[in-house]
Amino acid sequence: MQARDKLFSFRGKPKRLEVVVEGRESWVEWVAFSRTDLDGEEVHNTGRVIAEIKPDIQCVVEVENRVALNRFNRQVLSEFKDAVFDHNMSIVGRDPRGIDVGLLTRYPIVSIRSHIDEGGDKPIFSRDCPEYEMVLPSGDSLWLLGNHLKSQGFGSKKDNDAKRMRQADAVARIYREARKRSDYVIVAGDMNGTPDSEPMKPLTSGTDLKEVMSHPAYQGPPGTYATCKSPNQKFDYIMLSPALWKRIKAVGIEQRGIFHAKKPDESFDTVTSRTTSASDHAAVWVDLDM
């Protein structure tokens, strides 16, 4: 849309589009984006993964914004029986690509704490470590700390590991503070590191958190990424405080949203290629007796 002069014109024979402005002074502009329903096989397959798990609380990473998350909840998940959540939230983090950490939940969200400014001039988190407080039917507060730590790509391994360790150390500190408020605390998300890696030690060795795939109830493959068949592919976590750990009934991963080229029968029938995959990460889930 334009307030002064035109940005483009159709000229010539045959007509073709040409930009006609000669600089900022000749065009005062803004762009009006149209709104439409979410679409695409990969989006529907993401909804299918969540519908299969039927969670009461879902931590989600790489969320564009809360508007997109709400539309996904109301438009995509509504196609599956009883899959729509009552509440959803995402707060804007540091990543300029707009990939944040959000929450879908059946329980009321009563408070949110951001840690986007942790580290001052040298920010700790690539996105944020949001704390979401929910009230359970019992009246107890449950806190979820959502995470998406530094990736293993785009830089040197040494630098990436150092940043991830700094982030994990901060998450451990935030977790210990959350435990002063409630016995029920979850640390979840894509940590981009294996449980035995040095960057993960602040969480795996420096706290009383335990990761659900280490529970005897879990009998699945060791990884959560790609084929999920190697411990080196374990990047995604649900870590529980002791009071929640005692309430575990079952643990699993849903990997049918990943396209398995060599074994397509391990994928949903609607996941027929990498482009239709819900993700290249499996969804980790845990069933708690609350």
C-alpha atoms as a PDB file:
ATOM      1  CA  MET A   1       0.000   0.000   0.000  1.00  0.00           C
ATOM      2  CA  GLN A   2       1.239   3.511  -0.649  1.00  0.00           C
ATOM      3  CA  ALA A   3       0.544   7.033   0.534  1.00  0.00           C
ATOM      4  CA  ARG A   4       2.531   8.898  -2.130  1.00  0.00           C
ATOM      5  CA  ASP A   5       3.251   7.849  -5.738  1.00  0.00           C
ATOM      6  CA  LYS A   6       3.589   4.260  -6.857  1.00  0.00           C
ATOM      7  CA  LEU A   7       6.094   1.574  -6.016  1.00  0.00           C
ATOM      8  CA  PHE A   8       5.706  -0.293  -9.296  1.00  0.00           C
ATOM      9  CA  SER A   9       4.022  -0.134 -12.683  1.00  0.00           C
ATOM     10  CA  PHE A  10       3.213  -2.516 -15.526  1.00  0.00           C
ATOM     11  CA  ARG A  11       4.895  -1.346 -18.747  1.00  0.00           C
ATOM     12  CA  GLY A  12       5.820  -2.501 -22.210  1.00  0.00           C
ATOM     13  CA  LYS A  13       4.444  -5.072 -24.596  1.00  0.00           C
ATOM     14  CA  PRO A  14       4.045  -7.626 -23.285  1.00  0.00           C
ATOM     15  CA  LYS A  15       3.527  -5.836 -19.980  1.00  0.00           C
ATOM     16  CA  ARG A  16       6.026  -6.500 -17.248  1.00  0.00           C
ATOM     17  CA  LEU A  17       6.324  -5.276 -13.672  1.00  0.00           C
ATOM     18  CA  GLU A  18       8.874  -2.480 -13.112  1.00  0.00           C
ATOM     19  CA  VAL A  19       9.836  -0.709  -9.885  1.00  0.00           C
ATOM     20  CA  VAL A  20       9.376   2.997 -10.591  1.00  0.00           C
ATOM     21  CA  VAL A  21      10.347   4.754  -7.359  1.00  0.00           C
ATOM     22  CA  GLU A  22      13.684   6.554  -7.238  1.00  0.00           C
ATOM     23  CA  GLY A  23      14.290   6.416  -3.507  1.00  0.00           C
ATOM     24  CA  ARG A  24      12.752   6.954  -0.112  1.00  0.00           C
ATOM     25  CA  GLU A  25      11.520  10.456  -0.882  1.00  0.00           C
ATOM     26  CA  SER A  26       9.312   9.317  -3.747  1.00  0.00           C
ATOM     27  CA  TRP A  27       7.407   6.625  -1.834  1.00  0.00           C
ATOM     28  CA  VAL A  28       5.928   6.505   1.656  1.00  0.00           C
ATOM     29  CA  GLU A  29       4.958   2.897   2.155  1.00  0.00           C
ATOM     30  CA  TRP A  30       3.763   0.122   4.344  1.00  0.00           C
ATOM     31  CA  VAL A  31       2.883  -3.494   3.698  1.00  0.00           C
ATOM     32  CA  ALA A  32      -0.449  -5.019   4.651  1.00  0.00           C
ATOM     33  CA  PHE A  33      -0.210  -8.774   5.080  1.00  0.00           C
ATOM     34  CA  SER A  34      -3.298 -10.828   4.417  1.00  0.00           C
ATOM     35  CA  ARG A  35      -4.390 -13.383   7.019  1.00  0.00           C
ATOM     36  CA  THR A  36      -5.275 -16.879   5.995  1.00  0.00           C
ATOM     37  CA  ASP A  37      -5.606 -20.312   7.544  1.00  0.00           C
ATOM     38  CA  LEU A  38      -2.519 -22.337   8.341  1.00  0.00           C
ATOM     39  CA  ASP A  39      -1.934 -25.006   5.729  1.00  0.00           C
ATOM     40  CA  GLY A  40       0.629 -27.530   4.604  1.00  0.00           C
ATOM     41  CA  GLU A  41       1.155 -31.224   5.186  1.00  0.00           C
ATOM     42  CA  GLU A  42       4.025 -30.636   7.599  1.00  0.00           C
ATOM     43  CA  VAL A  43       1.812 -28.421   9.767  1.00  0.00           C
ATOM     44  CA  HIS A  44      -0.975 -31.008   9.818  1.00  0.00           C
ATOM     45  CA  ASN A  45       1.522 -33.744  10.652  1.00  0.00           C
ATOM     46  CA  THR A  46       2.777 -31.669  13.569  1.00  0.00           C
ATOM     47  CA  GLY A  47      -0.810 -31.529  14.773  1.00  0.00           C
ATOM     48  CA  ARG A  48      -1.116 -35.264  14.293  1.00  0.00           C
ATOM     49  CA  VAL A  49       1.910 -35.918  16.503  1.00  0.00           C
ATOM     50  CA  ILE A  50       0.436 -33.820  19.304  1.00  0.00           C
ATOM     51  CA  ALA A  51      -2.980 -35.425  18.884  1.00  0.00           C
ATOM     52  CA  GLU A  52      -1.438 -38.892  19.193  1.00  0.00           C
ATOM     53  CA  ILE A  53       0.293 -37.979  22.459  1.00  0.00           C
ATOM     54  CA  LYS A  54      -2.768 -36.182  23.905  1.00  0.00           C
ATOM     55  CA  PRO A  55      -0.754 -34.078  26.356  1.00  0.00           C
ATOM     56  CA  ASP A  56      -2.162 -31.796  29.027  1.00  0.00           C
ATOM     57  CA  ILE A  57       1.001 -29.666  28.771  1.00  0.00           C
ATOM     58  CA  GLN A  58       3.037 -29.262  25.586  1.00  0.00           C
ATOM     59  CA  CYS A  59       6.335 -27.361  25.411  1.00  0.00           C
ATOM     60  CA  VAL A  60       6.940 -26.204  21.834  1.00  0.00           C
ATOM     61  CA  VAL A  61      10.114 -24.762  20.281  1.00  0.00           C
ATOM     62  CA  GLU A  62      10.632 -22.670  17.152  1.00  0.00           C
ATOM     63  CA  VAL A  63       7.320 -20.872  17.536  1.00  0.00           C
ATOM     64  CA  GLU A  64       6.953 -17.772  15.343  1.00  0.00           C
ATOM     65  CA  ASN A  65       4.760 -15.909  17.841  1.00  0.00           C
ATOM     66  CA  ARG A  66       1.698 -16.364  19.998  1.00  0.00           C
ATOM     67  CA  VAL A  67      -0.668 -15.435  17.156  1.00  0.00           C
ATOM     68  CA  ALA A  68       0.720 -18.288  15.050  1.00  0.00           C
ATOM     69  CA  LEU A  69       0.610 -20.651  18.029  1.00  0.00           C
ATOM     70  CA  ASN A  70      -2.997 -19.749  18.761  1.00  0.00           C
ATOM     71  CA  ARG A  71      -3.991 -20.228  15.122  1.00  0.00           C
ATOM     72  CA  PHE A  72      -2.239 -23.600  15.085  1.00  0.00           C
ATOM     73  CA  ASN A  73      -4.147 -24.562  18.232  1.00  0.00           C
ATOM     74  CA  ARG A  74      -7.548 -23.393  16.975  1.00  0.00           C
ATOM     75  CA  GLN A  75      -7.283 -24.322  13.309  1.00  0.00           C
ATOM     76  CA  VAL A  76      -4.982 -27.332  13.019  1.00  0.00           C
ATOM     77  CA  LEU A  77      -5.493 -29.135  16.313  1.00  0.00           C
ATOM     78  CA  SER A  78      -9.259 -28.697  15.981  1.00  0.00           C
ATOM     79  CA  GLU A  79      -9.144 -31.276  13.184  1.00  0.00           C
ATOM     80  CA  PHE A  80      -8.276 -33.925  15.775  1.00  0.00           C
ATOM     81  CA  LYS A  81     -10.621 -35.095  18.526  1.00  0.00           C
ATOM     82  CA  ASP A  82     -10.068 -33.417  21.911  1.00  0.00           C
ATOM     83  CA  ALA A  83      -6.715 -31.992  20.789  1.00  0.00           C
ATOM     84  CA  VAL A  84      -7.348 -28.262  21.266  1.00  0.00           C
ATOM     85  CA  PHE A  85      -5.733 -26.698  24.342  1.00  0.00           C
ATOM     86  CA  ASP A  86      -7.488 -24.205  26.612  1.00  0.00           C
ATOM     87  CA  HIS A  87      -4.467 -21.934  26.957  1.00  0.00           C
ATOM     88  CA  ASN A  88      -1.361 -21.031  24.965  1.00  0.00           C
ATOM     89  CA  MET A  89       1.483 -18.584  25.341  1.00  0.00           C
ATOM     90  CA  SER A  90       4.724 -17.519  23.696  1.00  0.00           C
ATOM     91  CA  ILE A  91       6.902 -14.527  24.489  1.00  0.00           C
ATOM     92  CA  VAL A  92       9.324 -12.918  22.065  1.00  0.00           C
ATOM     93  CA  GLY A  93      12.930 -13.978  22.599  1.00  0.00           C
ATOM     94  CA  ARG A  94      16.266 -12.836  21.229  1.00  0.00           C
ATOM     95  CA  ASP A  95      16.393 -14.852  18.031  1.00  0.00           C
ATOM     96  CA  PRO A  96      15.977 -12.459  15.081  1.00  0.00           C
ATOM     97  CA  ARG A  97      14.429 -15.277  13.051  1.00  0.00           C
ATOM     98  CA  GLY A  98      11.440 -15.252  15.393  1.00  0.00           C
ATOM     99  CA  ILE A  99      11.750 -18.825  16.684  1.00  0.00           C
ATOM    100  CA  ASP A 100      10.710 -18.793  20.312  1.00  0.00           C
ATOM    101  CA  VAL A 101       9.739 -21.225  23.067  1.00  0.00           C
ATOM    102  CA  GLY A 102       6.012 -21.532  23.725  1.00  0.00           C
ATOM    103  CA  LEU A 103       3.455 -23.458  25.714  1.00  0.00           C
ATOM    104  CA  LEU A 104       0.173 -25.213  25.011  1.00  0.00           C
ATOM    105  CA  THR A 105      -1.678 -26.249  28.156  1.00  0.00           C
ATOM    106  CA  ARG A 106      -5.022 -27.311  29.544  1.00  0.00           C
ATOM    107  CA  TYR A 107      -4.258 -25.605  32.850  1.00  0.00           C
ATOM    108  CA  PRO A 108      -4.485 -21.848  33.525  1.00  0.00           C
ATOM    109  CA  ILE A 109      -1.238 -19.914  33.083  1.00  0.00           C
ATOM    110  CA  VAL A 110      -1.045 -17.600  36.089  1.00  0.00           C
ATOM    111  CA  SER A 111       2.426 -16.096  35.738  1.00  0.00           C
ATOM    112  CA  ILE A 112       5.350 -15.810  33.339  1.00  0.00           C
ATOM    113  CA  ARG A 113       8.980 -14.973  34.028  1.00  0.00           C
ATOM    114  CA  SER A 114      11.395 -14.019  31.271  1.00  0.00           C
ATOM    115  CA  HIS A 115      15.184 -14.300  31.454  1.00  0.00           C
ATOM    116  CA  ILE A 116      15.905 -12.601  28.158  1.00  0.00           C
ATOM    117  CA  ASP A 117      18.277 -10.092  29.785  1.00  0.00           C
ATOM    118  CA  GLU A 118      20.334 -12.661  31.726  1.00  0.00           C
ATOM    119  CA  GLY A 119      23.998 -11.861  31.197  1.00  0.00           C
ATOM    120  CA  GLY A 120      23.575  -8.146  30.537  1.00  0.00           C
ATOM    121  CA  ASP A 121      25.800  -7.017  27.655  1.00  0.00           C
ATOM    122  CA  LYS A 122      26.688 -10.664  26.957  1.00  0.00           C
ATOM    123  CA  PRO A 123      23.245 -12.321  26.780  1.00  0.00           C
ATOM    124  CA  ILE A 124      23.181 -15.924  27.947  1.00  0.00           C
ATOM    125  CA  PHE A 125      20.195 -17.211  26.032  1.00  0.00           C
ATOM    126  CA  SER A 126      19.929 -17.316  22.251  1.00  0.00           C
ATOM    127  CA  ARG A 127      16.159 -17.021  22.698  1.00  0.00           C
ATOM    128  CA  ASP A 128      15.009 -17.058  26.329  1.00  0.00           C
ATOM    129  CA  CYS A 129      14.359 -19.453  29.193  1.00  0.00           C
ATOM    130  CA  PRO A 130      10.728 -18.564  29.903  1.00  0.00           C
ATOM    131  CA  GLU A 131       9.171 -19.802  33.130  1.00  0.00           C
ATOM    132  CA  TYR A 132       5.482 -20.604  32.830  1.00  0.00           C
ATOM    133  CA  GLU A 133       3.496 -21.146  36.031  1.00  0.00           C
ATOM    134  CA  MET A 134       0.308 -23.216  35.751  1.00  0.00           C
ATOM    135  CA  VAL A 135      -2.246 -24.068  38.421  1.00  0.00           C
ATOM    136  CA  LEU A 136      -3.205 -27.747  38.600  1.00  0.00           C
ATOM    137  CA  PRO A 137      -6.702 -28.918  39.594  1.00  0.00           C
ATOM    138  CA  SER A 138      -5.267 -29.678  43.047  1.00  0.00           C
ATOM    139  CA  GLY A 139      -4.422 -25.999  43.464  1.00  0.00           C
ATOM    140  CA  ASP A 140      -0.677 -26.684  43.324  1.00  0.00           C
ATOM    141  CA  SER A 141       1.582 -24.635  41.084  1.00  0.00           C
ATOM    142  CA  LEU A 142       3.580 -26.376  38.370  1.00  0.00           C
ATOM    143  CA  TRP A 143       6.427 -24.474  36.712  1.00  0.00           C
ATOM    144  CA  LEU A 144       7.730 -25.295  33.244  1.00  0.00           C
ATOM    145  CA  LEU A 145      11.078 -23.886  32.114  1.00  0.00           C
ATOM    146  CA  GLY A 146      11.122 -24.038  28.313  1.00  0.00           C
ATOM    147  CA  ASN A 147      14.445 -24.215  26.497  1.00  0.00           C
ATOM    148  CA  HIS A 148      16.102 -24.260  23.097  1.00  0.00           C
ATOM    149  CA  LEU A 149      19.835 -24.160  23.739  1.00  0.00           C
ATOM    150  CA  LYS A 150      22.622 -23.247  21.303  1.00  0.00           C
ATOM    151  CA  SER A 151      22.730 -25.449  18.221  1.00  0.00           C
ATOM    152  CA  GLN A 152      25.698 -27.611  17.280  1.00  0.00           C
ATOM    153  CA  GLY A 153      26.036 -25.904  13.903  1.00  0.00           C
ATOM    154  CA  PHE A 154      26.838 -22.378  12.705  1.00  0.00           C
ATOM    155  CA  GLY A 155      30.175 -21.876  14.426  1.00  0.00           C
ATOM    156  CA  SER A 156      33.036 -23.753  16.032  1.00  0.00           C
ATOM    157  CA  LYS A 157      32.304 -26.718  18.280  1.00  0.00           C
ATOM    158  CA  LYS A 158      34.372 -25.170  21.071  1.00  0.00           C
ATOM    159  CA  ASP A 159      32.438 -21.899  21.013  1.00  0.00           C
ATOM    160  CA  ASN A 160      29.061 -23.626  20.681  1.00  0.00           C
ATOM    161  CA  ASP A 161      29.782 -25.981  23.572  1.00  0.00           C
ATOM    162  CA  ALA A 162      30.954 -23.098  25.745  1.00  0.00           C
ATOM    163  CA  LYS A 163      27.783 -21.121  25.063  1.00  0.00           C
ATOM    164  CA  ARG A 164      25.572 -24.157  25.644  1.00  0.00           C
ATOM    165  CA  MET A 165      27.288 -24.846  28.982  1.00  0.00           C
ATOM    166  CA  ARG A 166      26.776 -21.233  30.029  1.00  0.00           C
ATOM    167  CA  GLN A 167      23.117 -21.565  29.126  1.00  0.00           C
ATOM    168  CA  ALA A 168      22.719 -24.888  30.949  1.00  0.00           C
ATOM    169  CA  ASP A 169      24.374 -23.398  34.032  1.00  0.00           C
ATOM    170  CA  ALA A 170      21.879 -20.518  33.975  1.00  0.00           C
ATOM    171  CA  VAL A 171      18.931 -22.913  33.533  1.00  0.00           C
ATOM    172  CA  ALA A 172      20.179 -24.912  36.539  1.00  0.00           C
ATOM    173  CA  ARG A 173      20.284 -21.734  38.621  1.00  0.00           C
ATOM    174  CA  ILE A 174      16.794 -20.708  37.457  1.00  0.00           C
ATOM    175  CA  TYR A 175      15.533 -24.199  38.269  1.00  0.00           C
ATOM    176  CA  ARG A 176      16.903 -24.055  41.816  1.00  0.00           C
ATOM    177  CA  GLU A 177      15.091 -20.750  42.351  1.00  0.00           C
ATOM    178  CA  ALA A 178      11.870 -22.224  40.973  1.00  0.00           C
ATOM    179  CA  ARG A 179      12.145 -25.140  43.405  1.00  0.00           C
ATOM    180  CA  LYS A 180      11.927 -22.664  46.270  1.00  0.00           C
ATOM    181  CA  ARG A 181       8.461 -21.779  45.008  1.00  0.00           C
ATOM    182  CA  SER A 182       7.156 -25.243  44.181  1.00  0.00           C
ATOM    183  CA  ASP A 183       8.027 -28.939  44.364  1.00  0.00           C
ATOM    184  CA  TYR A 184       6.649 -29.357  40.850  1.00  0.00           C
ATOM    185  CA  VAL A 185       9.129 -28.069  38.271  1.00  0.00           C
ATOM    186  CA  ILE A 186       9.815 -29.271  34.714  1.00  0.00           C
ATOM    187  CA  VAL A 187      12.771 -28.328  32.513  1.00  0.00           C
ATOM    188  CA  ALA A 188      11.982 -29.218  28.901  1.00  0.00           C
ATOM    189  CA  GLY A 189      12.996 -28.531  25.340  1.00  0.00           C
ATOM    190  CA  ASP A 190      15.666 -29.022  22.709  1.00  0.00           C
ATOM    191  CA  MET A 191      19.003 -28.883  24.545  1.00  0.00           C
ATOM    192  CA  ASN A 192      21.108 -29.702  21.456  1.00  0.00           C
ATOM    193  CA  GLY A 193      23.394 -31.896  23.526  1.00  0.00           C
ATOM    194  CA  THR A 194      23.597 -35.504  24.710  1.00  0.00           C
ATOM    195  CA  PRO A 195      23.129 -36.346  28.403  1.00  0.00           C
ATOM    196  CA  ASP A 196      26.796 -37.295  28.854  1.00  0.00           C
ATOM    197  CA  SER A 197      28.162 -34.156  27.144  1.00  0.00           C
ATOM    198  CA  GLU A 198      30.111 -31.558  29.127  1.00  0.00           C
ATOM    199  CA  PRO A 199      27.697 -28.688  28.350  1.00  0.00           C
ATOM    200  CA  MET A 200      24.800 -30.632  29.883  1.00  0.00           C
ATOM    201  CA  LYS A 201      26.551 -31.374  33.198  1.00  0.00           C
ATOM    202  CA  PRO A 202      25.219 -28.295  35.030  1.00  0.00           C
ATOM    203  CA  LEU A 203      21.752 -29.831  34.603  1.00  0.00           C
ATOM    204  CA  THR A 204      22.483 -33.567  34.688  1.00  0.00           C
ATOM    205  CA  SER A 205      25.013 -33.466  37.532  1.00  0.00           C
ATOM    206  CA  GLY A 206      24.501 -30.080  39.154  1.00  0.00           C
ATOM    207  CA  THR A 207      20.813 -30.432  40.057  1.00  0.00           C
ATOM    208  CA  ASP A 208      18.387 -33.073  41.365  1.00  0.00           C
ATOM    209  CA  LEU A 209      16.615 -33.116  38.001  1.00  0.00           C
ATOM    210  CA  LYS A 210      16.155 -36.477  36.286  1.00  0.00           C
ATOM    211  CA  GLU A 211      15.454 -37.007  32.591  1.00  0.00           C
ATOM    212  CA  VAL A 212      12.388 -39.123  31.833  1.00  0.00           C
ATOM    213  CA  MET A 213      14.036 -41.368  29.216  1.00  0.00           C
ATOM    214  CA  SER A 214      16.350 -42.652  31.965  1.00  0.00           C
ATOM    215  CA  HIS A 215      13.339 -43.973  33.913  1.00  0.00           C
ATOM    216  CA  PRO A 216      12.789 -47.772  33.972  1.00  0.00           C
ATOM    217  CA  ALA A 217       9.362 -47.183  32.420  1.00  0.00           C
ATOM    218  CA  TYR A 218      11.027 -46.110  29.171  1.00  0.00           C
ATOM    219  CA  GLN A 219      11.785 -48.972  26.797  1.00  0.00           C
ATOM    220  CA  GLY A 220      12.194 -47.143  23.488  1.00  0.00           C
ATOM    221  CA  PRO A 221      15.168 -46.141  21.321  1.00  0.00           C
ATOM    222  CA  PRO A 222      17.929 -44.023  22.915  1.00  0.00           C
ATOM    223  CA  GLY A 223      17.689 -40.963  20.646  1.00  0.00           C
ATOM    224  CA  THR A 224      15.178 -38.253  19.812  1.00  0.00           C
ATOM    225  CA  TYR A 225      16.587 -36.940  16.515  1.00  0.00           C
ATOM    226  CA  ALA A 226      16.718 -38.340  12.954  1.00  0.00           C
ATOM    227  CA  THR A 227      16.641 -42.149  13.236  1.00  0.00           C
ATOM    228  CA  CYS A 228      16.578 -41.989  17.060  1.00  0.00           C
ATOM    229  CA  LYS A 229      18.648 -45.171  17.139  1.00  0.00           C
ATOM    230  CA  SER A 230      21.836 -43.773  18.706  1.00  0.00           C
ATOM    231  CA  PRO A 231      22.483 -42.167  22.120  1.00  0.00           C
ATOM    232  CA  ASN A 232      24.318 -39.479  20.136  1.00  0.00           C
ATOM    233  CA  GLN A 233      20.927 -38.451  18.730  1.00  0.00           C
ATOM    234  CA  LYS A 234      19.469 -37.632  22.160  1.00  0.00           C
ATOM    235  CA  PHE A 235      18.834 -33.846  22.096  1.00  0.00           C
ATOM    236  CA  ASP A 236      15.304 -33.417  23.480  1.00  0.00           C
ATOM    237  CA  TYR A 237      14.476 -33.551  27.158  1.00  0.00           C
ATOM    238  CA  ILE A 238      11.805 -33.595  29.810  1.00  0.00           C
ATOM    239  CA  MET A 239      13.597 -33.234  33.129  1.00  0.00           C
ATOM    240  CA  LEU A 240      11.610 -33.536  36.354  1.00  0.00           C
ATOM    241  CA  SER A 241      12.009 -32.412  39.940  1.00  0.00           C
ATOM    242  CA  PRO A 242      12.026 -35.277  42.518  1.00  0.00           C
ATOM    243  CA  ALA A 243       8.356 -34.865  43.451  1.00  0.00           C
ATOM    244  CA  LEU A 244       7.309 -35.276  39.808  1.00  0.00           C
ATOM    245  CA  TRP A 245       9.775 -38.105  39.169  1.00  0.00           C
ATOM    246  CA  LYS A 246       7.993 -40.170  41.836  1.00  0.00           C
ATOM    247  CA  ARG A 247       4.730 -39.802  39.918  1.00  0.00           C
ATOM    248  CA  ILE A 248       5.888 -41.230  36.570  1.00  0.00           C
ATOM    249  CA  LYS A 249       3.550 -43.869  35.136  1.00  0.00           C
ATOM    250  CA  ALA A 250       4.831 -44.146  31.553  1.00  0.00           C
ATOM    251  CA  VAL A 251       7.413 -42.576  29.230  1.00  0.00           C
ATOM    252  CA  GLY A 252       7.783 -42.692  25.453  1.00  0.00           C
ATOM    253  CA  ILE A 253       8.631 -40.849  22.258  1.00  0.00           C
ATOM    254  CA  GLU A 254       6.467 -40.277  19.198  1.00  0.00           C
ATOM    255  CA  GLN A 255       8.749 -40.537  16.171  1.00  0.00           C
ATOM    256  CA  ARG A 256       6.208 -41.240  13.433  1.00  0.00           C
ATOM    257  CA  GLY A 257       6.238 -37.564  12.518  1.00  0.00           C
ATOM    258  CA  ILE A 258       9.819 -38.013  11.242  1.00  0.00           C
ATOM    259  CA  PHE A 259      10.324 -39.259   7.681  1.00  0.00           C
ATOM    260  CA  HIS A 260      12.294 -42.493   7.698  1.00  0.00           C
ATOM    261  CA  ALA A 261      13.435 -43.009   4.104  1.00  0.00           C
ATOM    262  CA  LYS A 262      14.778 -46.528   4.669  1.00  0.00           C
ATOM    263  CA  LYS A 263      11.810 -47.645   6.776  1.00  0.00           C
ATOM    264  CA  PRO A 264       8.770 -45.624   5.683  1.00  0.00           C
ATOM    265  CA  ASP A 265       6.495 -47.901   7.744  1.00  0.00           C
ATOM    266  CA  GLU A 266       7.970 -46.216  10.845  1.00  0.00           C
ATOM    267  CA  SER A 267       6.365 -42.911   9.772  1.00  0.00           C
ATOM    268  CA  PHE A 268       2.734 -41.815   9.628  1.00  0.00           C
ATOM    269  CA  ASP A 269       1.144 -42.581   6.266  1.00  0.00           C
ATOM    270  CA  THR A 270       0.857 -38.813   5.752  1.00  0.00           C
ATOM    271  CA  VAL A 271       4.620 -38.344   6.246  1.00  0.00           C
ATOM    272  CA  THR A 272       5.922 -39.246   2.794  1.00  0.00           C
ATOM    273  CA  SER A 273       9.056 -37.068   2.509  1.00  0.00           C
ATOM    274  CA  ARG A 274      11.314 -34.774   4.489  1.00  0.00           C
ATOM    275  CA  THR A 275       9.198 -31.803   3.403  1.00  0.00           C
ATOM    276  CA  THR A 276       6.037 -33.344   4.875  1.00  0.00           C
ATOM    277  CA  SER A 277       7.717 -34.330   8.163  1.00  0.00           C
ATOM    278  CA  ALA A 278       6.330 -32.796  11.308  1.00  0.00           C
ATOM    279  CA  SER A 279       9.958 -32.389  12.403  1.00  0.00           C
ATOM    280  CA  ASP A 280      13.297 -34.168  12.367  1.00  0.00           C
ATOM    281  CA  HIS A 281      12.943 -34.463  16.169  1.00  0.00           C
ATOM    282  CA  ALA A 282      10.714 -36.941  17.965  1.00  0.00           C
ATOM    283  CA  ALA A 283       8.290 -35.749  20.641  1.00  0.00           C
ATOM    284  CA  VAL A 284       9.207 -36.935  24.138  1.00  0.00           C
ATOM    285  CA  TRP A 285       6.269 -37.557  26.482  1.00  0.00           C
ATOM    286  CA  VAL A 286       5.718 -38.599  30.085  1.00  0.00           C
ATOM    287  CA  ASP A 287       2.535 -39.654  31.888  1.00  0.00           C
ATOM    288  CA  LEU A 288       2.371 -38.479  35.500  1.00  0.00           C
ATOM    289  CA  ASP A 289      -0.073 -39.599  38.207  1.00  0.00           C
ATOM    290  CA  MET A 290      -1.142 -36.207  39.553  1.00  0.00           C
END
